[in-house]
Amino acid sequence: MNLSLGSVFISLIFSIVGISAWRYGKAKASGRHMLLGVALMAYSYFVPNEWASLAVGLGLSLFLFFL
């Protein structure tokens, strides 16, 4: 895991989006929002590159709002 300042910042931002999505999904009983929220919180542990992490986070966020 790369611990540069950029990767930590990207991870923090998308984790906040993920926990918000998970809480929204729990309140509305939406499994899609809960699953994407967990994915947003956990994907940064498996993506080693900052640019790839940003791309995956943006992709999951787009699925969250536009799927």
PDB file of N, CA and C in Angstrom:
ATOM      1  N   MET A   1       0.848  -1.182   0.000  1.00  0.00           N
ATOM      2  CA  MET A   1       0.000   0.000   0.000  1.00  0.00           C
ATOM      3  C   MET A   1       0.885   1.235   0.000  1.00  0.00           C
ATOM      4  N   ASN A   2       0.595   2.144  -0.899  1.00  0.00           N
ATOM      5  CA  ASN A   2       1.346   3.381  -1.025  1.00  0.00           C
ATOM      6  C   ASN A   2       0.805   4.403  -0.029  1.00  0.00           C
ATOM      7  N   LEU A   3       1.678   4.941   0.815  1.00  0.00           N
ATOM      8  CA  LEU A   3       1.219   5.886   1.830  1.00  0.00           C
ATOM      9  C   LEU A   3       1.654   7.317   1.536  1.00  0.00           C
ATOM     10  N   SER A   4       1.579   7.716   0.287  1.00  0.00           N
ATOM     11  CA  SER A   4       1.861   9.108  -0.031  1.00  0.00           C
ATOM     12  C   SER A   4       0.672   9.967   0.392  1.00  0.00           C
ATOM     13  N   LEU A   5       0.901  11.241   0.474  1.00  0.00           N
ATOM     14  CA  LEU A   5      -0.141  12.163   0.906  1.00  0.00           C
ATOM     15  C   LEU A   5      -1.332  12.149  -0.053  1.00  0.00           C
ATOM     16  N   GLY A   6      -1.063  12.044  -1.339  1.00  0.00           N
ATOM     17  CA  GLY A   6      -2.144  12.005  -2.321  1.00  0.00           C
ATOM     18  C   GLY A   6      -3.030  10.781  -2.179  1.00  0.00           C
ATOM     19  N   SER A   7      -2.410   9.621  -1.978  1.00  0.00           N
ATOM     20  CA  SER A   7      -3.215   8.396  -1.854  1.00  0.00           C
ATOM     21  C   SER A   7      -4.021   8.389  -0.560  1.00  0.00           C
ATOM     22  N   VAL A   8      -3.463   8.943   0.505  1.00  0.00           N
ATOM     23  CA  VAL A   8      -4.211   9.026   1.766  1.00  0.00           C
ATOM     24  C   VAL A   8      -5.393   9.985   1.616  1.00  0.00           C
ATOM     25  N   PHE A   9      -5.188  11.093   0.934  1.00  0.00           N
ATOM     26  CA  PHE A   9      -6.257  12.062   0.722  1.00  0.00           C
ATOM     27  C   PHE A   9      -7.368  11.479  -0.147  1.00  0.00           C
ATOM     28  N   ILE A  10      -6.990  10.800  -1.235  1.00  0.00           N
ATOM     29  CA  ILE A  10      -7.977  10.165  -2.106  1.00  0.00           C
ATOM     30  C   ILE A  10      -8.763   9.109  -1.333  1.00  0.00           C
ATOM     31  N   SER A  11      -8.056   8.312  -0.561  1.00  0.00           N
ATOM     32  CA  SER A  11      -8.701   7.273   0.240  1.00  0.00           C
ATOM     33  C   SER A  11      -9.671   7.878   1.250  1.00  0.00           C
ATOM     34  N   LEU A  12      -9.284   8.950   1.886  1.00  0.00           N
ATOM     35  CA  LEU A  12     -10.136   9.604   2.882  1.00  0.00           C
ATOM     36  C   LEU A  12     -11.398  10.177   2.245  1.00  0.00           C
ATOM     37  N   ILE A  13     -11.248  10.842   1.129  1.00  0.00           N
ATOM     38  CA  ILE A  13     -12.404  11.451   0.463  1.00  0.00           C
ATOM     39  C   ILE A  13     -13.419  10.391   0.045  1.00  0.00           C
ATOM     40  N   PHE A  14     -12.945   9.328  -0.615  1.00  0.00           N
ATOM     41  CA  PHE A  14     -13.881   8.312  -1.088  1.00  0.00           C
ATOM     42  C   PHE A  14     -14.414   7.450   0.052  1.00  0.00           C
ATOM     43  N   SER A  15     -13.688   7.345   1.146  1.00  0.00           N
ATOM     44  CA  SER A  15     -14.220   6.632   2.310  1.00  0.00           C
ATOM     45  C   SER A  15     -15.358   7.421   2.958  1.00  0.00           C
ATOM     46  N   ILE A  16     -15.244   8.734   2.963  1.00  0.00           N
ATOM     47  CA  ILE A  16     -16.329   9.569   3.490  1.00  0.00           C
ATOM     48  C   ILE A  16     -17.564   9.445   2.600  1.00  0.00           C
ATOM     49  N   VAL A  17     -17.365   9.445   1.293  1.00  0.00           N
ATOM     50  CA  VAL A  17     -18.486   9.233   0.369  1.00  0.00           C
ATOM     51  C   VAL A  17     -19.085   7.847   0.595  1.00  0.00           C
ATOM     52  N   GLY A  18     -18.233   6.848   0.815  1.00  0.00           N
ATOM     53  CA  GLY A  18     -18.694   5.483   1.036  1.00  0.00           C
ATOM     54  C   GLY A  18     -19.505   5.321   2.297  1.00  0.00           C
ATOM     55  N   ILE A  19     -19.063   5.925   3.391  1.00  0.00           N
ATOM     56  CA  ILE A  19     -19.829   5.792   4.642  1.00  0.00           C
ATOM     57  C   ILE A  19     -21.151   6.548   4.542  1.00  0.00           C
ATOM     58  N   SER A  20     -21.154   7.646   3.804  1.00  0.00           N
ATOM     59  CA  SER A  20     -22.415   8.365   3.601  1.00  0.00           C
ATOM     60  C   SER A  20     -23.378   7.528   2.767  1.00  0.00           C
ATOM     61  N   ALA A  21     -22.851   6.872   1.728  1.00  0.00           N
ATOM     62  CA  ALA A  21     -23.696   6.016   0.888  1.00  0.00           C
ATOM     63  C   ALA A  21     -24.214   4.828   1.679  1.00  0.00           C
ATOM     64  N   TRP A  22     -23.356   4.245   2.501  1.00  0.00           N
ATOM     65  CA  TRP A  22     -23.784   3.097   3.308  1.00  0.00           C
ATOM     66  C   TRP A  22     -24.893   3.495   4.287  1.00  0.00           C
ATOM     67  N   ARG A  23     -24.739   4.650   4.937  1.00  0.00           N
ATOM     68  CA  ARG A  23     -25.761   5.111   5.879  1.00  0.00           C
ATOM     69  C   ARG A  23     -27.067   5.428   5.154  1.00  0.00           C
ATOM     70  N   TYR A  24     -26.983   6.025   3.966  1.00  0.00           N
ATOM     71  CA  TYR A  24     -28.182   6.300   3.178  1.00  0.00           C
ATOM     72  C   TYR A  24     -28.854   4.991   2.779  1.00  0.00           C
ATOM     73  N   GLY A  25     -28.067   4.025   2.339  1.00  0.00           N
ATOM     74  CA  GLY A  25     -28.626   2.738   1.953  1.00  0.00           C
ATOM     75  C   GLY A  25     -29.250   1.999   3.117  1.00  0.00           C
ATOM     76  N   LYS A  26     -28.668   2.131   4.286  1.00  0.00           N
ATOM     77  CA  LYS A  26     -29.236   1.489   5.471  1.00  0.00           C
ATOM     78  C   LYS A  26     -30.560   2.139   5.853  1.00  0.00           C
ATOM     79  N   ALA A  27     -30.631   3.458   5.754  1.00  0.00           N
ATOM     80  CA  ALA A  27     -31.859   4.163   6.112  1.00  0.00           C
ATOM     81  C   ALA A  27     -32.986   3.891   5.112  1.00  0.00           C
ATOM     82  N   LYS A  28     -32.634   3.782   3.832  1.00  0.00           N
ATOM     83  CA  LYS A  28     -33.639   3.569   2.787  1.00  0.00           C
ATOM     84  C   LYS A  28     -33.808   2.099   2.423  1.00  0.00           C
ATOM     85  N   ALA A  29     -33.080   1.208   3.079  1.00  0.00           N
ATOM     86  CA  ALA A  29     -33.109  -0.239   2.801  1.00  0.00           C
ATOM     87  C   ALA A  29     -32.749  -0.523   1.346  1.00  0.00           C
ATOM     88  N   SER A  30     -31.712   0.147   0.865  1.00  0.00           N
ATOM     89  CA  SER A  30     -31.235  -0.018  -0.503  1.00  0.00           C
ATOM     90  C   SER A  30     -29.926  -0.801  -0.480  1.00  0.00           C
ATOM     91  N   GLY A  31     -29.989  -2.031  -0.939  1.00  0.00           N
ATOM     92  CA  GLY A  31     -28.806  -2.869  -0.946  1.00  0.00           C
ATOM     93  C   GLY A  31     -27.724  -2.370  -1.888  1.00  0.00           C
ATOM     94  N   ARG A  32     -28.133  -1.748  -2.988  1.00  0.00           N
ATOM     95  CA  ARG A  32     -27.162  -1.215  -3.944  1.00  0.00           C
ATOM     96  C   ARG A  32     -26.299  -0.125  -3.313  1.00  0.00           C
ATOM     97  N   HIS A  33     -26.934   0.793  -2.594  1.00  0.00           N
ATOM     98  CA  HIS A  33     -26.184   1.865  -1.953  1.00  0.00           C
ATOM     99  C   HIS A  33     -25.286   1.329  -0.838  1.00  0.00           C
ATOM    100  N   MET A  34     -25.782   0.347  -0.108  1.00  0.00           N
ATOM    101  CA  MET A  34     -24.961  -0.229   0.959  1.00  0.00           C
ATOM    102  C   MET A  34     -23.750  -0.951   0.374  1.00  0.00           C
ATOM    103  N   LEU A  35     -23.938  -1.711  -0.688  1.00  0.00           N
ATOM    104  CA  LEU A  35     -22.840  -2.451  -1.303  1.00  0.00           C
ATOM    105  C   LEU A  35     -21.805  -1.505  -1.906  1.00  0.00           C
ATOM    106  N   LEU A  36     -22.258  -0.494  -2.615  1.00  0.00           N
ATOM    107  CA  LEU A  36     -21.317   0.472  -3.188  1.00  0.00           C
ATOM    108  C   LEU A  36     -20.622   1.292  -2.110  1.00  0.00           C
ATOM    109  N   GLY A  37     -21.307   1.554  -1.009  1.00  0.00           N
ATOM    110  CA  GLY A  37     -20.673   2.250   0.106  1.00  0.00           C
ATOM    111  C   GLY A  37     -19.545   1.440   0.720  1.00  0.00           C
ATOM    112  N   VAL A  38     -19.771   0.162   0.906  1.00  0.00           N
ATOM    113  CA  VAL A  38     -18.719  -0.711   1.438  1.00  0.00           C
ATOM    114  C   VAL A  38     -17.563  -0.809   0.444  1.00  0.00           C
ATOM    115  N   ALA A  39     -17.892  -0.889  -0.845  1.00  0.00           N
ATOM    116  CA  ALA A  39     -16.842  -0.945  -1.868  1.00  0.00           C
ATOM    117  C   ALA A  39     -16.004   0.330  -1.869  1.00  0.00           C
ATOM    118  N   LEU A  40     -16.642   1.482  -1.710  1.00  0.00           N
ATOM    119  CA  LEU A  40     -15.902   2.742  -1.662  1.00  0.00           C
ATOM    120  C   LEU A  40     -15.017   2.836  -0.423  1.00  0.00           C
ATOM    121  N   MET A  41     -15.464   2.263   0.665  1.00  0.00           N
ATOM    122  CA  MET A  41     -14.653   2.299   1.886  1.00  0.00           C
ATOM    123  C   MET A  41     -13.481   1.328   1.825  1.00  0.00           C
ATOM    124  N   ALA A  42     -13.592   0.246   1.062  1.00  0.00           N
ATOM    125  CA  ALA A  42     -12.590  -0.814   1.132  1.00  0.00           C
ATOM    126  C   ALA A  42     -11.652  -0.892  -0.070  1.00  0.00           C
ATOM    127  N   TYR A  43     -11.988  -0.302  -1.201  1.00  0.00           N
ATOM    128  CA  TYR A  43     -11.192  -0.536  -2.405  1.00  0.00           C
ATOM    129  C   TYR A  43      -9.776   0.009  -2.291  1.00  0.00           C
ATOM    130  N   SER A  44      -9.558   1.030  -1.517  1.00  0.00           N
ATOM    131  CA  SER A  44      -8.230   1.650  -1.452  1.00  0.00           C
ATOM    132  C   SER A  44      -7.178   0.731  -0.845  1.00  0.00           C
ATOM    133  N   TYR A  45      -7.588  -0.301  -0.159  1.00  0.00           N
ATOM    134  CA  TYR A  45      -6.630  -1.271   0.372  1.00  0.00           C
ATOM    135  C   TYR A  45      -6.072  -2.171  -0.725  1.00  0.00           C
ATOM    136  N   PHE A  46      -6.751  -2.264  -1.846  1.00  0.00           N
ATOM    137  CA  PHE A  46      -6.378  -3.188  -2.900  1.00  0.00           C
ATOM    138  C   PHE A  46      -5.821  -2.513  -4.147  1.00  0.00           C
ATOM    139  N   VAL A  47      -5.864  -1.187  -4.219  1.00  0.00           N
ATOM    140  CA  VAL A  47      -5.385  -0.455  -5.393  1.00  0.00           C
ATOM    141  C   VAL A  47      -4.106   0.276  -5.008  1.00  0.00           C
ATOM    142  N   PRO A  48      -2.972  -0.078  -5.625  1.00  0.00           N
ATOM    143  CA  PRO A  48      -1.691   0.469  -5.176  1.00  0.00           C
ATOM    144  C   PRO A  48      -1.338   1.845  -5.741  1.00  0.00           C
ATOM    145  N   ASN A  49      -1.924   2.253  -6.842  1.00  0.00           N
ATOM    146  CA  ASN A  49      -1.536   3.461  -7.543  1.00  0.00           C
ATOM    147  C   ASN A  49      -2.517   4.594  -7.250  1.00  0.00           C
ATOM    148  N   GLU A  50      -2.009   5.830  -7.147  1.00  0.00           N
ATOM    149  CA  GLU A  50      -2.885   6.975  -6.875  1.00  0.00           C
ATOM    150  C   GLU A  50      -3.870   7.218  -8.018  1.00  0.00           C
ATOM    151  N   TRP A  51      -3.386   7.163  -9.255  1.00  0.00           N
ATOM    152  CA  TRP A  51      -4.256   7.428 -10.400  1.00  0.00           C
ATOM    153  C   TRP A  51      -5.297   6.332 -10.555  1.00  0.00           C
ATOM    154  N   ALA A  52      -4.883   5.101 -10.324  1.00  0.00           N
ATOM    155  CA  ALA A  52      -5.843   3.999 -10.399  1.00  0.00           C
ATOM    156  C   ALA A  52      -6.866   4.106  -9.277  1.00  0.00           C
ATOM    157  N   SER A  53      -6.414   4.520  -8.109  1.00  0.00           N
ATOM    158  CA  SER A  53      -7.315   4.699  -6.972  1.00  0.00           C
ATOM    159  C   SER A  53      -8.339   5.799  -7.263  1.00  0.00           C
ATOM    160  N   LEU A  54      -7.882   6.859  -7.872  1.00  0.00           N
ATOM    161  CA  LEU A  54      -8.789   7.945  -8.243  1.00  0.00           C
ATOM    162  C   LEU A  54      -9.798   7.478  -9.294  1.00  0.00           C
ATOM    163  N   ALA A  55      -9.338   6.717 -10.268  1.00  0.00           N
ATOM    164  CA  ALA A  55     -10.234   6.220 -11.318  1.00  0.00           C
ATOM    165  C   ALA A  55     -11.277   5.258 -10.755  1.00  0.00           C
ATOM    166  N   VAL A  56     -10.849   4.342  -9.880  1.00  0.00           N
ATOM    167  CA  VAL A  56     -11.790   3.386  -9.286  1.00  0.00           C
ATOM    168  C   VAL A  56     -12.791   4.118  -8.402  1.00  0.00           C
ATOM    169  N   GLY A  57     -12.329   5.070  -7.607  1.00  0.00           N
ATOM    170  CA  GLY A  57     -13.221   5.831  -6.738  1.00  0.00           C
ATOM    171  C   GLY A  57     -14.243   6.638  -7.523  1.00  0.00           C
ATOM    172  N   LEU A  58     -13.801   7.268  -8.591  1.00  0.00           N
ATOM    173  CA  LEU A  58     -14.737   8.022  -9.429  1.00  0.00           C
ATOM    174  C   LEU A  58     -15.726   7.094 -10.118  1.00  0.00           C
ATOM    175  N   GLY A  59     -15.243   5.946 -10.573  1.00  0.00           N
ATOM    176  CA  GLY A  59     -16.136   4.984 -11.214  1.00  0.00           C
ATOM    177  C   GLY A  59     -17.204   4.462 -10.269  1.00  0.00           C
ATOM    178  N   LEU A  60     -16.797   4.100  -9.065  1.00  0.00           N
ATOM    179  CA  LEU A  60     -17.775   3.620  -8.076  1.00  0.00           C
ATOM    180  C   LEU A  60     -18.752   4.722  -7.685  1.00  0.00           C
ATOM    181  N   SER A  61     -18.270   5.949  -7.585  1.00  0.00           N
ATOM    182  CA  SER A  61     -19.141   7.069  -7.256  1.00  0.00           C
ATOM    183  C   SER A  61     -20.151   7.327  -8.371  1.00  0.00           C
ATOM    184  N   LEU A  62     -19.715   7.191  -9.618  1.00  0.00           N
ATOM    185  CA  LEU A  62     -20.644   7.353 -10.742  1.00  0.00           C
ATOM    186  C   LEU A  62     -21.707   6.262 -10.717  1.00  0.00           C
ATOM    187  N   PHE A  63     -21.318   5.018 -10.410  1.00  0.00           N
ATOM    188  CA  PHE A  63     -22.306   3.943 -10.279  1.00  0.00           C
ATOM    189  C   PHE A  63     -23.277   4.235  -9.149  1.00  0.00           C
ATOM    190  N   LEU A  64     -22.780   4.875  -8.105  1.00  0.00           N
ATOM    191  CA  LEU A  64     -23.613   5.190  -6.959  1.00  0.00           C
ATOM    192  C   LEU A  64     -24.722   6.175  -7.323  1.00  0.00           C
ATOM    193  N   PHE A  65     -24.388   7.176  -8.123  1.00  0.00           N
ATOM    194  CA  PHE A  65     -25.341   8.229  -8.421  1.00  0.00           C
ATOM    195  C   PHE A  65     -26.092   8.049  -9.736  1.00  0.00           C
ATOM    196  N   PHE A  66     -25.497   7.366 -10.718  1.00  0.00           N
ATOM    197  CA  PHE A  66     -26.087   7.324 -12.042  1.00  0.00           C
ATOM    198  C   PHE A  66     -26.470   5.950 -12.534  1.00  0.00           C
ATOM    199  N   LEU A  67     -26.432   4.929 -11.731  1.00  0.00           N
ATOM    200  CA  LEU A  67     -26.799   3.584 -12.169  1.00  0.00           C
ATOM    201  C   LEU A  67     -28.286   3.372 -12.050  1.00  0.00           C
TER     202      LEU A  67
END
